C-alpha atoms as a PDB file:
ATOM      1  CA  UNK A   1      97.764  96.258 120.721  1.00  0.00           C
ATOM      2  CA  UNK A   2      99.013  99.775 121.229  1.00  0.00           C
ATOM      3  CA  UNK A   3      96.714 102.077 123.392  1.00  0.00           C
ATOM      4  CA  UNK A   4      96.548 105.469 122.083  1.00  0.00           C
ATOM      5  CA  UNK A   5      95.398 108.404 124.550  1.00  0.00           C
ATOM      6  CA  UNK A   6      93.177 110.830 122.852  1.00  0.00           C
ATOM      7  CA  UNK A   7      94.952 113.825 124.317  1.00  0.00           C
ATOM      8  CA  UNK A   8      98.388 112.682 123.393  1.00  0.00           C
ATOM      9  CA  UNK A   9      97.078 112.266 119.632  1.00  0.00           C
ATOM     10  CA  UNK A  10      95.957 116.007 120.265  1.00  0.00           C
ATOM     11  CA  UNK A  11      99.118 117.044 121.442  1.00  0.00           C
ATOM     12  CA  UNK A  12     100.995 115.539 118.695  1.00  0.00           C
ATOM     13  CA  UNK A  13      99.236 117.010 115.917  1.00  0.00           C
ATOM     14  CA  UNK A  14      99.255 120.463 117.520  1.00  0.00           C
ATOM     15  CA  UNK A  15     102.679 120.652 117.350  1.00  0.00           C
ATOM     16  CA  UNK A  16     104.510 122.384 114.607  1.00  0.00           C
ATOM     17  CA  UNK A  17     104.762 121.557 111.525  1.00  0.00           C
ATOM     18  CA  UNK A  18     101.164 121.466 110.969  1.00  0.00           C
ATOM     19  CA  UNK A  19      99.670 118.795 108.967  1.00  0.00           C
ATOM     20  CA  UNK A  20     101.011 114.914 108.426  1.00  0.00           C
ATOM     21  CA  UNK A  21     102.317 115.565 104.342  1.00  0.00           C
ATOM     22  CA  UNK A  22     104.274 118.527 103.393  1.00  0.00           C
ATOM     23  CA  UNK A  23     104.617 118.677  99.248  1.00  0.00           C
ATOM     24  CA  UNK A  24     107.886 120.248  98.372  1.00  0.00           C
ATOM     25  CA  UNK A  25     108.617 121.589  94.539  1.00  0.00           C
ATOM     26  CA  UNK A  26     111.454 119.711  92.953  1.00  0.00           C
ATOM     27  CA  UNK A  27     111.948 122.543  90.216  1.00  0.00           C
ATOM     28  CA  UNK A  28     112.960 126.522  91.661  1.00  0.00           C
ATOM     29  CA  UNK A  29     109.477 128.454  92.628  1.00  0.00           C
ATOM     30  CA  UNK A  30     111.011 131.957  93.435  1.00  0.00           C
ATOM     31  CA  UNK A  31     110.178 133.866  90.527  1.00  0.00           C
ATOM     32  CA  UNK A  32     107.287 134.450  88.338  1.00  0.00           C
ATOM     33  CA  UNK A  33     109.168 132.893  85.969  1.00  0.00           C
ATOM     34  CA  UNK A  34     109.608 130.047  87.573  1.00  0.00           C
ATOM     35  CA  UNK A  35     106.028 129.553  88.381  1.00  0.00           C
ATOM     36  CA  UNK A  36     104.926 130.113  84.567  1.00  0.00           C
ATOM     37  CA  UNK A  37     107.470 127.387  83.473  1.00  0.00           C
ATOM     38  CA  UNK A  38     105.944 125.062  85.942  1.00  0.00           C
ATOM     39  CA  UNK A  39     102.551 125.519  84.826  1.00  0.00           C
ATOM     40  CA  UNK A  40     102.908 126.399  81.235  1.00  0.00           C
ATOM     41  CA  UNK A  41     100.694 124.103  78.933  1.00  0.00           C
ATOM     42  CA  UNK A  42     103.359 122.496  77.281  1.00  0.00           C
ATOM     43  CA  UNK A  43     103.925 120.679  80.004  1.00  0.00           C
ATOM     44  CA  UNK A  44     101.141 118.287  79.854  1.00  0.00           C
ATOM     45  CA  UNK A  45     101.539 117.718  76.136  1.00  0.00           C
ATOM     46  CA  UNK A  46     103.618 114.415  76.784  1.00  0.00           C
ATOM     47  CA  UNK A  47     100.857 113.077  79.037  1.00  0.00           C
ATOM     48  CA  UNK A  48      98.418 114.011  76.399  1.00  0.00           C
ATOM     49  CA  UNK A  49     100.298 112.124  73.734  1.00  0.00           C
ATOM     50  CA  UNK A  50     100.756 109.027  75.815  1.00  0.00           C
ATOM     51  CA  UNK A  51      96.559 109.158  76.864  1.00  0.00           C
ATOM     52  CA  UNK A  52      95.524 109.776  73.198  1.00  0.00           C
ATOM     53  CA  UNK A  53      98.109 106.875  71.839  1.00  0.00           C
ATOM     54  CA  UNK A  54      97.452 103.585  73.432  1.00  0.00           C
ATOM     55  CA  UNK A  55      98.442 101.576  70.597  1.00  0.00           C
ATOM     56  CA  UNK A  56     101.710 103.280  70.534  1.00  0.00           C
ATOM     57  CA  UNK A  57     102.333 102.958  73.948  1.00  0.00           C
ATOM     58  CA  UNK A  58     101.278  99.090  73.300  1.00  0.00           C
ATOM     59  CA  UNK A  59     104.208  98.604  70.950  1.00  0.00           C
ATOM     60  CA  UNK A  60     106.416 100.658  72.731  1.00  0.00           C
ATOM     61  CA  UNK A  61     105.397  97.978  75.804  1.00  0.00           C
ATOM     62  CA  UNK A  62     106.115  94.951  73.672  1.00  0.00           C
ATOM     63  CA  UNK A  63     109.350  96.396  72.734  1.00  0.00           C
ATOM     64  CA  UNK A  64     109.065  98.196  69.915  1.00  0.00           C
ATOM     65  CA  UNK A  65     111.357 101.170  71.047  1.00  0.00           C
ATOM     66  CA  UNK A  66     110.741 103.217  67.485  1.00  0.00           C
ATOM     67  CA  UNK A  67     107.259 103.697  68.406  1.00  0.00           C
ATOM     68  CA  UNK A  68     108.075 106.309  70.639  1.00  0.00           C
ATOM     69  CA  UNK A  69     109.266 108.175  67.896  1.00  0.00           C
ATOM     70  CA  UNK A  70     105.600 108.516  66.744  1.00  0.00           C
ATOM     71  CA  UNK A  71     104.983 110.350  70.447  1.00  0.00           C
ATOM     72  CA  UNK A  72     107.510 112.311  69.874  1.00  0.00           C
ATOM     73  CA  UNK A  73     106.082 113.401  66.452  1.00  0.00           C
ATOM     74  CA  UNK A  74     102.702 113.789  68.058  1.00  0.00           C
ATOM     75  CA  UNK A  75     103.964 116.458  70.853  1.00  0.00           C
ATOM     76  CA  UNK A  76     106.025 118.238  68.414  1.00  0.00           C
ATOM     77  CA  UNK A  77     103.364 118.877  66.169  1.00  0.00           C
ATOM     78  CA  UNK A  78     100.758 119.752  69.294  1.00  0.00           C
ATOM     79  CA  UNK A  79     103.971 122.270  70.045  1.00  0.00           C
ATOM     80  CA  UNK A  80     104.269 123.451  66.440  1.00  0.00           C
ATOM     81  CA  UNK A  81     107.824 122.644  66.747  1.00  0.00           C
ATOM     82  CA  UNK A  82     108.669 125.168  69.307  1.00  0.00           C
ATOM     83  CA  UNK A  83     110.029 122.515  71.871  1.00  0.00           C
ATOM     84  CA  UNK A  84     113.393 120.733  71.953  1.00  0.00           C
ATOM     85  CA  UNK A  85     113.328 117.166  70.732  1.00  0.00           C
ATOM     86  CA  UNK A  86     115.614 116.003  73.686  1.00  0.00           C
ATOM     87  CA  UNK A  87     113.462 117.496  76.278  1.00  0.00           C
ATOM     88  CA  UNK A  88     110.317 115.716  74.573  1.00  0.00           C
ATOM     89  CA  UNK A  89     111.974 112.570  74.636  1.00  0.00           C
ATOM     90  CA  UNK A  90     113.306 112.489  77.903  1.00  0.00           C
ATOM     91  CA  UNK A  91     110.226 113.579  79.335  1.00  0.00           C
ATOM     92  CA  UNK A  92     107.885 110.514  77.309  1.00  0.00           C
ATOM     93  CA  UNK A  93     110.949 108.286  79.275  1.00  0.00           C
ATOM     94  CA  UNK A  94     110.000 109.672  82.050  1.00  0.00           C
ATOM     95  CA  UNK A  95     106.319 109.257  81.705  1.00  0.00           C
ATOM     96  CA  UNK A  96     106.390 105.520  79.794  1.00  0.00           C
ATOM     97  CA  UNK A  97     108.723 104.052  82.795  1.00  0.00           C
ATOM     98  CA  UNK A  98     106.000 105.117  85.152  1.00  0.00           C
ATOM     99  CA  UNK A  99     103.497 103.337  83.511  1.00  0.00           C
END
């Protein structure tokens, strides 16, 4: 078994950069607009539609590809038609793939 000296561990953690894990944004975060887009309420709509419609998700996971259209419709309704369907579909695809 590897023996770790406490002082070595303290030295290791005192070196730059601080911490063990670093979170790196995947989108630009240079301007106020970038931040506003990243944290806009619409970003959550695909996730909310998926969470609110487990029956539709189950149909999709069982192979009914067209059931995804119902989720897209739910998001478009929540966004009052102010979202691009192609973007909504891509986001829904990404979320469903993660399930």
